[in-house]
Amino acid sequence: MSKKLAFRRRQPLLKVFFLIFLLAASFLSVCIAISPALCRLAQAGCGNLTQTIIYKAVSEELKINHYTYKDMVYVTRDDLGNIKDLQINTAFMNSFRSDLGLSLQEKLSDSRITTLSIPSGNLSGIMLLSGRGPSINVRLVPMGSISTDIVSEFTSAGINQTKHSIYITVKAEIKIMAPFDSASYTTEAKVPLSETVIVGTTPDLLVNSNLLK
């Protein structure tokens, strides 16, 4: 009788353990099932967030140091004062790219600004539930170094006028860390640094061949 009594007393406890196990297994199954969809949504948000970070970092570097077109390009003029040729300031550009790369690496590693919060309702695919429900946090982590290149472009700016624009292109590999899954994303941005309008014939542009690689 004592064994039967003891078993009966343990039955409610066993039922509780079994219920907890079922709930945990169900939760785990749901998390694994929604993780791929969560990564897809995070990839869409990753592009917007990382590009915003890149544009802001470039803007801060230019504003804090008061960099202008004259810092980036050497201008050679002829005896009449016309621009003869332009030469990219290689030392300046290399220094700028290095400083920007370090700044971006720091910003993209900061979880306070590289965590996406995705409403759980977005995973349903139902418009009425979009933006609703508790949020699921997804972490963005930079993978490896950030590559940068300088791009110089000449475009027509009117009669006998040419606009010379300088851009920096940034490319970074991002790892999206979602619960129970992960994905990679490549973000690219082309950010204007400076420009000027040249009156007269388009001058030659002299560029160090190693700068744009």
N, C-alpha and C. Protein backbone atom coordinates (compact mmCIF):
# COMPACT_ATOMS: atom_id res chain seq x y z
N MET A 1 0.82 -1.21 0.00
CA MET A 1 0.00 0.00 0.00
C MET A 1 0.86 1.27 0.00
N SER A 2 1.97 1.19 0.75
CA SER A 2 2.82 2.37 0.86
C SER A 2 3.43 2.75 -0.48
N LYS A 3 3.81 1.71 -1.32
CA LYS A 3 4.38 1.99 -2.63
C LYS A 3 3.35 2.64 -3.55
N LYS A 4 2.12 2.12 -3.52
CA LYS A 4 1.05 2.69 -4.34
C LYS A 4 0.76 4.12 -3.92
N LEU A 5 0.77 4.35 -2.61
CA LEU A 5 0.50 5.68 -2.09
C LEU A 5 1.59 6.66 -2.52
N ALA A 6 2.84 6.19 -2.43
CA ALA A 6 3.96 7.04 -2.83
C ALA A 6 3.89 7.37 -4.32
N PHE A 7 3.52 6.36 -5.15
CA PHE A 7 3.41 6.59 -6.59
C PHE A 7 2.32 7.60 -6.91
N ARG A 8 1.20 7.47 -6.21
CA ARG A 8 0.10 8.40 -6.43
C ARG A 8 0.50 9.83 -6.05
N ARG A 9 1.29 9.93 -4.99
CA ARG A 9 1.74 11.25 -4.57
C ARG A 9 2.71 11.86 -5.58
N ARG A 10 3.49 11.02 -6.25
CA ARG A 10 4.44 11.53 -7.23
C ARG A 10 3.81 11.85 -8.58
N GLN A 11 2.61 11.32 -8.84
CA GLN A 11 1.96 11.52 -10.14
C GLN A 11 1.77 12.99 -10.52
N PRO A 12 1.26 13.84 -9.60
CA PRO A 12 1.12 15.27 -9.97
C PRO A 12 2.46 15.90 -10.34
N LEU A 13 3.52 15.52 -9.59
CA LEU A 13 4.84 16.07 -9.85
C LEU A 13 5.36 15.62 -11.21
N LEU A 14 5.12 14.35 -11.55
CA LEU A 14 5.54 13.85 -12.86
C LEU A 14 4.78 14.55 -13.98
N LYS A 15 3.52 14.83 -13.75
CA LYS A 15 2.71 15.52 -14.76
C LYS A 15 3.24 16.93 -14.99
N VAL A 16 3.66 17.57 -13.88
CA VAL A 16 4.21 18.93 -14.01
C VAL A 16 5.51 18.91 -14.81
N PHE A 17 6.40 17.96 -14.51
CA PHE A 17 7.66 17.83 -15.25
C PHE A 17 7.41 17.54 -16.72
N PHE A 18 6.44 16.68 -16.98
CA PHE A 18 6.11 16.32 -18.37
C PHE A 18 5.56 17.53 -19.12
N LEU A 19 4.72 18.32 -18.43
CA LEU A 19 4.15 19.51 -19.06
C LEU A 19 5.25 20.53 -19.37
N ILE A 20 6.19 20.70 -18.41
CA ILE A 20 7.31 21.62 -18.63
C ILE A 20 8.14 21.16 -19.82
N PHE A 21 8.38 19.85 -19.91
CA PHE A 21 9.16 19.30 -21.03
C PHE A 21 8.46 19.57 -22.36
N LEU A 22 7.15 19.36 -22.40
CA LEU A 22 6.40 19.61 -23.64
C LEU A 22 6.46 21.08 -24.04
N LEU A 23 6.31 21.96 -23.05
CA LEU A 23 6.36 23.39 -23.35
C LEU A 23 7.74 23.81 -23.86
N ALA A 24 8.80 23.30 -23.22
CA ALA A 24 10.16 23.61 -23.64
C ALA A 24 10.44 23.10 -25.05
N ALA A 25 9.99 21.85 -25.33
CA ALA A 25 10.19 21.26 -26.65
C ALA A 25 9.42 22.05 -27.71
N SER A 26 8.20 22.47 -27.37
CA SER A 26 7.37 23.24 -28.32
C SER A 26 8.01 24.59 -28.60
N PHE A 27 8.51 25.23 -27.54
CA PHE A 27 9.16 26.53 -27.70
C PHE A 27 10.39 26.42 -28.58
N LEU A 28 11.20 25.37 -28.32
CA LEU A 28 12.40 25.15 -29.10
C LEU A 28 12.07 24.90 -30.57
N SER A 29 11.03 24.11 -30.83
CA SER A 29 10.61 23.81 -32.21
C SER A 29 10.17 25.07 -32.93
N VAL A 30 9.43 25.93 -32.23
CA VAL A 30 8.95 27.19 -32.84
C VAL A 30 10.13 28.09 -33.16
N CYS A 31 11.09 28.20 -32.22
CA CYS A 31 12.27 29.05 -32.44
C CYS A 31 13.07 28.59 -33.65
N ILE A 32 13.27 27.29 -33.76
CA ILE A 32 14.02 26.74 -34.89
C ILE A 32 13.27 26.98 -36.20
N ALA A 33 11.95 26.89 -36.15
CA ALA A 33 11.13 27.06 -37.36
C ALA A 33 11.13 28.50 -37.85
N ILE A 34 11.12 29.46 -36.93
CA ILE A 34 11.01 30.87 -37.34
C ILE A 34 12.37 31.52 -37.58
N SER A 35 13.46 30.86 -37.17
CA SER A 35 14.79 31.47 -37.30
C SER A 35 15.15 31.85 -38.74
N PRO A 36 14.91 30.98 -39.75
CA PRO A 36 15.22 31.38 -41.14
C PRO A 36 14.47 32.63 -41.57
N ALA A 37 13.18 32.70 -41.21
CA ALA A 37 12.39 33.88 -41.57
C ALA A 37 12.90 35.11 -40.83
N LEU A 38 13.33 34.92 -39.59
CA LEU A 38 13.88 36.02 -38.81
C LEU A 38 15.15 36.55 -39.44
N CYS A 39 15.99 35.65 -39.94
CA CYS A 39 17.24 36.07 -40.60
C CYS A 39 16.94 36.84 -41.88
N ARG A 40 15.92 36.42 -42.62
CA ARG A 40 15.56 37.12 -43.87
C ARG A 40 15.09 38.55 -43.57
N LEU A 41 14.29 38.70 -42.52
CA LEU A 41 13.84 40.03 -42.14
C LEU A 41 15.01 40.87 -41.65
N ALA A 42 15.92 40.23 -40.93
CA ALA A 42 17.08 40.95 -40.41
C ALA A 42 17.99 41.41 -41.53
N GLN A 43 18.10 40.64 -42.61
CA GLN A 43 18.94 41.05 -43.74
C GLN A 43 18.43 42.34 -44.37
N ALA A 44 17.10 42.46 -44.44
CA ALA A 44 16.51 43.69 -44.99
C ALA A 44 16.84 44.89 -44.09
N GLY A 45 16.70 44.69 -42.78
CA GLY A 45 17.00 45.77 -41.85
C GLY A 45 18.48 46.06 -41.72
N CYS A 46 19.29 45.03 -41.95
CA CYS A 46 20.75 45.17 -41.83
C CYS A 46 21.29 46.18 -42.84
N GLY A 47 20.78 46.12 -44.07
CA GLY A 47 21.24 47.04 -45.11
C GLY A 47 21.00 48.49 -44.73
N ASN A 48 19.79 48.79 -44.25
CA ASN A 48 19.45 50.16 -43.88
C ASN A 48 20.28 50.64 -42.69
N LEU A 49 20.41 49.78 -41.69
CA LEU A 49 21.13 50.18 -40.48
C LEU A 49 22.62 50.40 -40.75
N THR A 50 23.26 49.48 -41.45
CA THR A 50 24.70 49.60 -41.69
C THR A 50 25.02 50.78 -42.60
N GLN A 51 24.16 51.03 -43.59
CA GLN A 51 24.42 52.18 -44.47
C GLN A 51 24.29 53.49 -43.70
N THR A 52 23.33 53.55 -42.78
CA THR A 52 23.19 54.74 -41.95
C THR A 52 24.43 54.96 -41.10
N ILE A 53 24.97 53.87 -40.54
CA ILE A 53 26.18 53.95 -39.72
C ILE A 53 27.37 54.42 -40.57
N ILE A 54 27.48 53.89 -41.78
CA ILE A 54 28.59 54.27 -42.67
C ILE A 54 28.51 55.75 -43.04
N TYR A 55 27.35 56.21 -43.48
CA TYR A 55 27.18 57.62 -43.87
C TYR A 55 27.48 58.55 -42.69
N LYS A 56 27.02 58.15 -41.51
CA LYS A 56 27.24 58.98 -40.32
C LYS A 56 28.71 59.03 -39.96
N ALA A 57 29.40 57.90 -40.07
CA ALA A 57 30.83 57.85 -39.73
C ALA A 57 31.64 58.73 -40.68
N VAL A 58 31.34 58.67 -41.98
CA VAL A 58 32.04 59.50 -42.96
C VAL A 58 31.79 60.98 -42.68
N SER A 59 30.53 61.31 -42.42
CA SER A 59 30.16 62.70 -42.15
C SER A 59 30.89 63.23 -40.91
N GLU A 60 31.00 62.39 -39.89
CA GLU A 60 31.69 62.81 -38.66
C GLU A 60 33.17 63.06 -38.92
N GLU A 61 33.81 62.17 -39.69
CA GLU A 61 35.24 62.35 -40.00
C GLU A 61 35.49 63.66 -40.75
N LEU A 62 34.62 63.97 -41.70
CA LEU A 62 34.78 65.19 -42.48
C LEU A 62 34.52 66.45 -41.64
N LYS A 63 33.46 66.36 -40.82
CA LYS A 63 33.06 67.53 -40.04
C LYS A 63 34.04 67.83 -38.91
N ILE A 64 34.44 66.81 -38.18
CA ILE A 64 35.33 67.01 -37.02
C ILE A 64 36.68 67.57 -37.46
N ASN A 65 37.20 67.08 -38.57
CA ASN A 65 38.53 67.50 -39.04
C ASN A 65 38.49 68.63 -40.05
N HIS A 66 37.29 69.08 -40.42
CA HIS A 66 37.11 70.19 -41.36
C HIS A 66 37.81 69.93 -42.70
N TYR A 67 37.70 68.71 -43.19
CA TYR A 67 38.34 68.37 -44.46
C TYR A 67 37.55 68.97 -45.62
N THR A 68 38.31 69.44 -46.65
CA THR A 68 37.68 70.01 -47.83
C THR A 68 38.34 69.42 -49.08
N TYR A 69 37.87 69.86 -50.22
CA TYR A 69 38.42 69.41 -51.50
C TYR A 69 39.91 69.69 -51.61
N LYS A 70 40.35 70.82 -51.06
CA LYS A 70 41.77 71.21 -51.15
C LYS A 70 42.67 70.24 -50.39
N ASP A 71 42.12 69.59 -49.36
CA ASP A 71 42.91 68.60 -48.62
C ASP A 71 43.09 67.32 -49.42
N MET A 72 42.15 67.04 -50.30
CA MET A 72 42.12 65.76 -51.01
C MET A 72 42.81 65.79 -52.37
N VAL A 73 42.90 66.97 -52.96
CA VAL A 73 43.41 67.07 -54.33
C VAL A 73 44.43 68.21 -54.46
N TYR A 74 45.56 67.90 -55.10
CA TYR A 74 46.52 68.94 -55.47
C TYR A 74 46.12 69.50 -56.83
N VAL A 75 46.07 70.83 -56.94
CA VAL A 75 45.68 71.48 -58.19
C VAL A 75 46.89 72.20 -58.80
N THR A 76 47.17 71.88 -60.06
CA THR A 76 48.27 72.54 -60.77
C THR A 76 47.68 73.45 -61.85
N ARG A 77 48.14 74.71 -61.89
CA ARG A 77 47.60 75.67 -62.85
C ARG A 77 48.70 76.10 -63.84
N ASP A 78 48.27 76.54 -65.02
CA ASP A 78 49.23 77.04 -66.00
C ASP A 78 49.48 78.52 -65.76
N ASP A 79 50.22 79.13 -66.67
CA ASP A 79 50.59 80.55 -66.50
C ASP A 79 49.38 81.48 -66.55
N LEU A 80 48.30 81.01 -67.17
CA LEU A 80 47.10 81.85 -67.28
C LEU A 80 46.13 81.64 -66.13
N GLY A 81 46.49 80.71 -65.23
CA GLY A 81 45.63 80.45 -64.07
C GLY A 81 44.62 79.35 -64.30
N ASN A 82 44.64 78.75 -65.48
CA ASN A 82 43.73 77.65 -65.75
C ASN A 82 44.24 76.36 -65.09
N ILE A 83 43.32 75.54 -64.67
CA ILE A 83 43.71 74.28 -64.05
C ILE A 83 44.31 73.36 -65.10
N LYS A 84 45.53 72.95 -64.88
CA LYS A 84 46.24 72.09 -65.82
C LYS A 84 46.02 70.62 -65.50
N ASP A 85 46.20 70.26 -64.26
CA ASP A 85 45.93 68.89 -63.86
C ASP A 85 45.60 68.80 -62.37
N LEU A 86 45.04 67.69 -62.00
CA LEU A 86 44.66 67.42 -60.61
C LEU A 86 45.36 66.15 -60.16
N GLN A 87 45.81 66.15 -58.92
CA GLN A 87 46.47 64.95 -58.40
C GLN A 87 45.89 64.62 -57.02
N ILE A 88 45.40 63.39 -56.90
CA ILE A 88 44.85 62.95 -55.62
C ILE A 88 45.96 62.96 -54.57
N ASN A 89 45.65 63.51 -53.40
CA ASN A 89 46.59 63.53 -52.28
C ASN A 89 46.60 62.13 -51.65
N THR A 90 47.52 61.31 -52.10
CA THR A 90 47.56 59.91 -51.69
C THR A 90 47.76 59.74 -50.19
N ALA A 91 48.67 60.51 -49.61
CA ALA A 91 48.94 60.39 -48.18
C ALA A 91 47.70 60.72 -47.36
N PHE A 92 47.01 61.78 -47.76
CA PHE A 92 45.80 62.17 -47.05
C PHE A 92 44.73 61.08 -47.16
N MET A 93 44.51 60.59 -48.38
CA MET A 93 43.47 59.61 -48.61
C MET A 93 43.74 58.31 -47.85
N ASN A 94 44.97 57.87 -47.83
CA ASN A 94 45.30 56.65 -47.10
C ASN A 94 45.06 56.82 -45.61
N SER A 95 45.42 58.00 -45.09
CA SER A 95 45.19 58.28 -43.68
C SER A 95 43.69 58.35 -43.37
N PHE A 96 42.94 58.99 -44.28
CA PHE A 96 41.49 59.11 -44.09
C PHE A 96 40.83 57.74 -44.11
N ARG A 97 41.23 56.90 -45.05
CA ARG A 97 40.65 55.56 -45.15
C ARG A 97 40.96 54.73 -43.91
N SER A 98 42.17 54.87 -43.39
CA SER A 98 42.56 54.14 -42.19
C SER A 98 41.74 54.57 -40.98
N ASP A 99 41.62 55.89 -40.80
CA ASP A 99 40.85 56.42 -39.67
C ASP A 99 39.37 56.01 -39.78
N LEU A 100 38.84 56.09 -40.99
CA LEU A 100 37.43 55.72 -41.18
C LEU A 100 37.21 54.24 -40.91
N GLY A 101 38.13 53.41 -41.38
CA GLY A 101 38.00 51.97 -41.16
C GLY A 101 37.96 51.63 -39.68
N LEU A 102 38.83 52.27 -38.89
CA LEU A 102 38.86 52.04 -37.44
C LEU A 102 37.58 52.52 -36.79
N SER A 103 37.09 53.68 -37.23
CA SER A 103 35.85 54.23 -36.68
C SER A 103 34.66 53.31 -36.98
N LEU A 104 34.60 52.82 -38.21
CA LEU A 104 33.50 51.94 -38.59
C LEU A 104 33.56 50.61 -37.85
N GLN A 105 34.76 50.08 -37.70
CA GLN A 105 34.93 48.81 -36.98
C GLN A 105 34.41 48.95 -35.55
N GLU A 106 34.70 50.10 -34.94
CA GLU A 106 34.25 50.35 -33.57
C GLU A 106 32.73 50.49 -33.50
N LYS A 107 32.17 51.24 -34.45
CA LYS A 107 30.73 51.48 -34.44
C LYS A 107 29.94 50.20 -34.74
N LEU A 108 30.43 49.41 -35.71
CA LEU A 108 29.72 48.19 -36.08
C LEU A 108 29.86 47.10 -35.02
N SER A 109 30.80 47.27 -34.11
CA SER A 109 30.98 46.30 -33.02
C SER A 109 30.22 46.71 -31.76
N ASP A 110 29.60 47.87 -31.81
CA ASP A 110 28.86 48.39 -30.66
C ASP A 110 27.44 47.83 -30.66
N SER A 111 27.14 46.93 -29.73
CA SER A 111 25.83 46.27 -29.70
C SER A 111 24.69 47.25 -29.44
N ARG A 112 25.01 48.42 -28.89
CA ARG A 112 23.96 49.39 -28.61
C ARG A 112 23.35 49.97 -29.89
N ILE A 113 24.14 49.97 -30.98
CA ILE A 113 23.63 50.54 -32.22
C ILE A 113 23.52 49.50 -33.34
N THR A 114 23.96 48.27 -33.08
CA THR A 114 23.91 47.25 -34.13
C THR A 114 23.03 46.07 -33.71
N THR A 115 22.02 46.34 -32.92
CA THR A 115 21.04 45.32 -32.55
C THR A 115 19.71 45.69 -33.17
N LEU A 116 19.16 44.79 -33.97
CA LEU A 116 17.86 45.00 -34.60
C LEU A 116 16.77 44.40 -33.72
N SER A 117 15.71 45.14 -33.53
CA SER A 117 14.54 44.63 -32.80
C SER A 117 13.42 44.39 -33.80
N ILE A 118 13.08 43.14 -34.00
CA ILE A 118 12.06 42.78 -34.99
C ILE A 118 10.79 42.32 -34.28
N PRO A 119 9.67 43.02 -34.48
CA PRO A 119 8.40 42.60 -33.86
C PRO A 119 8.02 41.19 -34.30
N SER A 120 7.61 40.37 -33.36
CA SER A 120 7.28 38.98 -33.68
C SER A 120 6.12 38.88 -34.67
N GLY A 121 5.26 39.89 -34.70
CA GLY A 121 4.14 39.86 -35.64
C GLY A 121 4.59 39.90 -37.09
N ASN A 122 5.79 40.45 -37.35
CA ASN A 122 6.32 40.50 -38.72
C ASN A 122 6.59 39.11 -39.28
N LEU A 123 6.81 38.14 -38.39
CA LEU A 123 7.13 36.78 -38.84
C LEU A 123 5.90 36.04 -39.36
N SER A 124 4.71 36.56 -39.04
CA SER A 124 3.48 35.88 -39.46
C SER A 124 3.17 36.09 -40.94
N GLY A 125 3.70 37.18 -41.51
CA GLY A 125 3.39 37.49 -42.90
C GLY A 125 2.02 38.13 -43.08
N ILE A 126 1.34 38.41 -41.97
CA ILE A 126 0.00 39.02 -42.01
C ILE A 126 0.14 40.52 -41.77
N MET A 127 -0.41 41.31 -42.67
CA MET A 127 -0.26 42.76 -42.60
C MET A 127 -0.79 43.33 -41.29
N LEU A 128 -1.91 42.81 -40.80
CA LEU A 128 -2.52 43.33 -39.59
C LEU A 128 -1.63 43.13 -38.36
N LEU A 129 -0.77 42.12 -38.41
CA LEU A 129 0.10 41.83 -37.28
C LEU A 129 1.48 42.46 -37.42
N SER A 130 1.74 43.08 -38.57
CA SER A 130 3.04 43.69 -38.81
C SER A 130 3.33 44.81 -37.81
N GLY A 131 4.48 44.76 -37.20
CA GLY A 131 4.86 45.77 -36.22
C GLY A 131 4.29 45.54 -34.84
N ARG A 132 3.61 44.42 -34.66
CA ARG A 132 2.99 44.13 -33.36
C ARG A 132 3.67 42.95 -32.69
N GLY A 133 3.39 42.79 -31.41
CA GLY A 133 3.92 41.68 -30.65
C GLY A 133 5.27 41.99 -30.04
N PRO A 134 5.72 41.14 -29.12
CA PRO A 134 7.03 41.35 -28.49
C PRO A 134 8.16 41.29 -29.52
N SER A 135 9.18 42.08 -29.29
CA SER A 135 10.29 42.16 -30.24
C SER A 135 11.33 41.08 -29.97
N ILE A 136 11.97 40.63 -31.06
CA ILE A 136 13.05 39.66 -30.98
C ILE A 136 14.32 40.38 -31.41
N ASN A 137 15.34 40.37 -30.56
CA ASN A 137 16.58 41.07 -30.86
C ASN A 137 17.51 40.21 -31.72
N VAL A 138 18.08 40.84 -32.74
CA VAL A 138 19.03 40.18 -33.64
C VAL A 138 20.32 41.01 -33.63
N ARG A 139 21.42 40.37 -33.39
CA ARG A 139 22.72 41.05 -33.28
C ARG A 139 23.45 41.04 -34.61
N LEU A 140 24.04 42.18 -34.97
CA LEU A 140 24.86 42.30 -36.17
C LEU A 140 26.33 42.39 -35.76
N VAL A 141 27.17 41.53 -36.33
CA VAL A 141 28.58 41.47 -35.95
C VAL A 141 29.44 41.58 -37.21
N PRO A 142 30.40 42.54 -37.24
CA PRO A 142 31.27 42.65 -38.42
C PRO A 142 32.20 41.45 -38.53
N MET A 143 32.42 40.98 -39.77
CA MET A 143 33.30 39.84 -40.02
C MET A 143 34.55 40.33 -40.74
N GLY A 144 35.70 40.24 -40.11
CA GLY A 144 36.94 40.65 -40.76
C GLY A 144 37.06 42.15 -40.88
N SER A 145 37.97 42.58 -41.74
CA SER A 145 38.24 44.00 -41.90
C SER A 145 37.26 44.65 -42.88
N ILE A 146 37.17 45.96 -42.80
CA ILE A 146 36.29 46.73 -43.67
C ILE A 146 37.13 47.30 -44.81
N SER A 147 36.70 47.08 -46.05
CA SER A 147 37.46 47.56 -47.20
C SER A 147 36.90 48.89 -47.70
N THR A 148 37.81 49.77 -48.10
CA THR A 148 37.41 51.09 -48.62
C THR A 148 38.20 51.40 -49.88
N ASP A 149 37.58 52.15 -50.79
CA ASP A 149 38.23 52.58 -52.03
C ASP A 149 37.84 54.02 -52.33
N ILE A 150 38.71 54.72 -53.02
CA ILE A 150 38.43 56.09 -53.44
C ILE A 150 38.04 56.09 -54.92
N VAL A 151 36.96 56.78 -55.22
CA VAL A 151 36.47 56.88 -56.60
C VAL A 151 36.42 58.34 -57.00
N SER A 152 36.98 58.67 -58.16
CA SER A 152 37.00 60.03 -58.67
C SER A 152 36.20 60.07 -59.98
N GLU A 153 35.27 61.01 -60.09
CA GLU A 153 34.41 61.08 -61.27
C GLU A 153 34.33 62.50 -61.82
N PHE A 154 34.31 62.60 -63.16
CA PHE A 154 34.09 63.87 -63.84
C PHE A 154 32.74 63.80 -64.56
N THR A 155 31.89 64.80 -64.34
CA THR A 155 30.59 64.86 -65.03
C THR A 155 30.37 66.28 -65.52
N SER A 156 29.60 66.39 -66.59
CA SER A 156 29.31 67.71 -67.16
C SER A 156 28.43 68.51 -66.20
N ALA A 157 28.78 69.78 -66.02
CA ALA A 157 28.00 70.64 -65.13
C ALA A 157 27.46 71.86 -65.88
N GLY A 158 27.42 71.77 -67.21
CA GLY A 158 26.93 72.88 -68.01
C GLY A 158 27.92 73.23 -69.11
N ILE A 159 27.68 74.36 -69.76
CA ILE A 159 28.54 74.77 -70.86
C ILE A 159 29.94 75.10 -70.34
N ASN A 160 30.93 74.37 -70.87
CA ASN A 160 32.34 74.61 -70.51
C ASN A 160 32.60 74.46 -69.01
N GLN A 161 31.81 73.62 -68.36
CA GLN A 161 31.98 73.39 -66.92
C GLN A 161 31.98 71.89 -66.63
N THR A 162 32.83 71.47 -65.73
CA THR A 162 32.94 70.07 -65.36
C THR A 162 32.93 69.93 -63.85
N LYS A 163 32.15 69.00 -63.36
CA LYS A 163 32.12 68.76 -61.92
C LYS A 163 33.02 67.58 -61.58
N HIS A 164 33.94 67.80 -60.68
CA HIS A 164 34.83 66.74 -60.22
C HIS A 164 34.35 66.29 -58.83
N SER A 165 33.95 65.03 -58.72
CA SER A 165 33.43 64.50 -57.46
C SER A 165 34.33 63.39 -56.95
N ILE A 166 34.51 63.36 -55.64
CA ILE A 166 35.31 62.32 -55.00
C ILE A 166 34.41 61.55 -54.03
N TYR A 167 34.42 60.25 -54.17
CA TYR A 167 33.61 59.38 -53.32
C TYR A 167 34.50 58.37 -52.60
N ILE A 168 33.98 57.85 -51.52
CA ILE A 168 34.62 56.70 -50.89
C ILE A 168 33.60 55.55 -50.87
N THR A 169 34.02 54.40 -51.33
CA THR A 169 33.15 53.23 -51.29
C THR A 169 33.57 52.36 -50.11
N VAL A 170 32.58 51.87 -49.40
CA VAL A 170 32.82 51.05 -48.20
C VAL A 170 32.13 49.72 -48.37
N LYS A 171 32.85 48.66 -48.06
CA LYS A 171 32.29 47.31 -48.15
C LYS A 171 32.60 46.57 -46.85
N ALA A 172 31.57 45.97 -46.26
CA ALA A 172 31.76 45.25 -45.00
C ALA A 172 30.93 43.98 -44.99
N GLU A 173 31.51 42.93 -44.43
CA GLU A 173 30.80 41.67 -44.27
C GLU A 173 30.20 41.63 -42.86
N ILE A 174 28.90 41.39 -42.80
CA ILE A 174 28.19 41.39 -41.52
C ILE A 174 27.59 40.01 -41.25
N LYS A 175 27.74 39.54 -40.02
CA LYS A 175 27.12 38.28 -39.62
C LYS A 175 25.88 38.60 -38.80
N ILE A 176 24.76 38.05 -39.21
CA ILE A 176 23.49 38.26 -38.51
C ILE A 176 23.29 37.11 -37.54
N MET A 177 23.25 37.44 -36.25
CA MET A 177 23.13 36.43 -35.20
C MET A 177 21.71 36.42 -34.65
N ALA A 178 20.91 35.48 -35.16
CA ALA A 178 19.55 35.32 -34.68
C ALA A 178 19.50 34.11 -33.75
N PRO A 179 18.47 34.02 -32.89
CA PRO A 179 18.36 32.83 -32.03
C PRO A 179 18.28 31.55 -32.88
N PHE A 180 19.18 30.62 -32.62
CA PHE A 180 19.20 29.30 -33.26
C PHE A 180 19.57 29.33 -34.74
N ASP A 181 20.02 30.48 -35.25
CA ASP A 181 20.40 30.54 -36.67
C ASP A 181 21.27 31.76 -36.90
N SER A 182 21.94 31.80 -38.04
CA SER A 182 22.76 32.95 -38.41
C SER A 182 22.81 33.05 -39.92
N ALA A 183 23.19 34.23 -40.41
CA ALA A 183 23.30 34.46 -41.85
C ALA A 183 24.35 35.54 -42.07
N SER A 184 24.89 35.61 -43.27
CA SER A 184 25.87 36.65 -43.60
C SER A 184 25.27 37.65 -44.57
N TYR A 185 25.77 38.87 -44.51
CA TYR A 185 25.26 39.94 -45.36
C TYR A 185 26.41 40.86 -45.74
N THR A 186 26.47 41.23 -47.01
CA THR A 186 27.49 42.16 -47.48
C THR A 186 26.86 43.53 -47.70
N THR A 187 27.34 44.51 -46.98
CA THR A 187 26.81 45.87 -47.14
C THR A 187 27.82 46.72 -47.90
N GLU A 188 27.32 47.52 -48.83
CA GLU A 188 28.17 48.40 -49.64
C GLU A 188 27.56 49.79 -49.68
N ALA A 189 28.40 50.78 -49.63
CA ALA A 189 27.92 52.17 -49.70
C ALA A 189 28.92 53.02 -50.46
N LYS A 190 28.39 53.96 -51.21
CA LYS A 190 29.22 54.92 -51.95
C LYS A 190 28.87 56.31 -51.42
N VAL A 191 29.81 56.89 -50.68
CA VAL A 191 29.52 58.13 -49.96
C VAL A 191 30.33 59.29 -50.56
N PRO A 192 29.68 60.41 -50.90
CA PRO A 192 30.42 61.56 -51.45
C PRO A 192 31.29 62.20 -50.38
N LEU A 193 32.52 62.56 -50.75
CA LEU A 193 33.44 63.23 -49.84
C LEU A 193 33.52 64.72 -50.14
N SER A 194 33.69 65.05 -51.42
CA SER A 194 33.81 66.46 -51.79
C SER A 194 33.64 66.59 -53.30
N GLU A 195 33.39 67.82 -53.74
CA GLU A 195 33.27 68.07 -55.18
C GLU A 195 33.56 69.53 -55.47
N THR A 196 33.92 69.80 -56.71
CA THR A 196 34.15 71.17 -57.14
C THR A 196 33.78 71.28 -58.61
N VAL A 197 33.45 72.47 -59.04
CA VAL A 197 33.12 72.72 -60.45
C VAL A 197 34.31 73.42 -61.10
N ILE A 198 34.80 72.85 -62.21
CA ILE A 198 35.95 73.36 -62.93
C ILE A 198 35.46 74.07 -64.20
N VAL A 199 35.86 75.30 -64.37
CA VAL A 199 35.48 76.07 -65.56
C VAL A 199 36.60 75.96 -66.58
N GLY A 200 36.25 75.61 -67.81
CA GLY A 200 37.24 75.46 -68.86
C GLY A 200 37.38 74.00 -69.25
N THR A 201 38.48 73.68 -69.89
CA THR A 201 38.70 72.31 -70.35
C THR A 201 38.91 71.38 -69.17
N THR A 202 38.52 70.15 -69.34
CA THR A 202 38.68 69.15 -68.28
C THR A 202 40.15 68.82 -68.11
N PRO A 203 40.71 69.00 -66.91
CA PRO A 203 42.14 68.74 -66.70
C PRO A 203 42.42 67.24 -66.60
N ASP A 204 43.69 66.91 -66.71
CA ASP A 204 44.10 65.52 -66.49
C ASP A 204 44.03 65.22 -65.00
N LEU A 205 43.70 63.97 -64.68
CA LEU A 205 43.68 63.53 -63.28
C LEU A 205 44.81 62.54 -63.08
N LEU A 206 45.73 62.88 -62.20
CA LEU A 206 46.84 62.01 -61.90
C LEU A 206 46.57 61.29 -60.60
N VAL A 207 46.53 59.95 -60.65
CA VAL A 207 46.17 59.16 -59.48
C VAL A 207 47.21 58.10 -59.23
N ASN A 208 47.62 57.96 -57.98
CA ASN A 208 48.51 56.87 -57.63
C ASN A 208 47.79 55.56 -57.91
N SER A 209 48.40 54.68 -58.69
CA SER A 209 47.73 53.45 -59.12
C SER A 209 47.38 52.54 -57.96
N ASN A 210 48.07 52.68 -56.83
CA ASN A 210 47.78 51.81 -55.69
C ASN A 210 46.63 52.35 -54.82
N LEU A 211 46.24 53.59 -55.07
CA LEU A 211 45.24 54.21 -54.21
C LEU A 211 43.86 53.63 -54.40
N LEU A 212 43.50 53.34 -55.63
CA LEU A 212 42.12 52.95 -55.91
C LEU A 212 41.95 51.44 -55.88
N LYS A 213 42.87 50.71 -55.33
CA LYS A 213 42.77 49.26 -55.27
C LYS A 213 42.55 48.82 -53.84
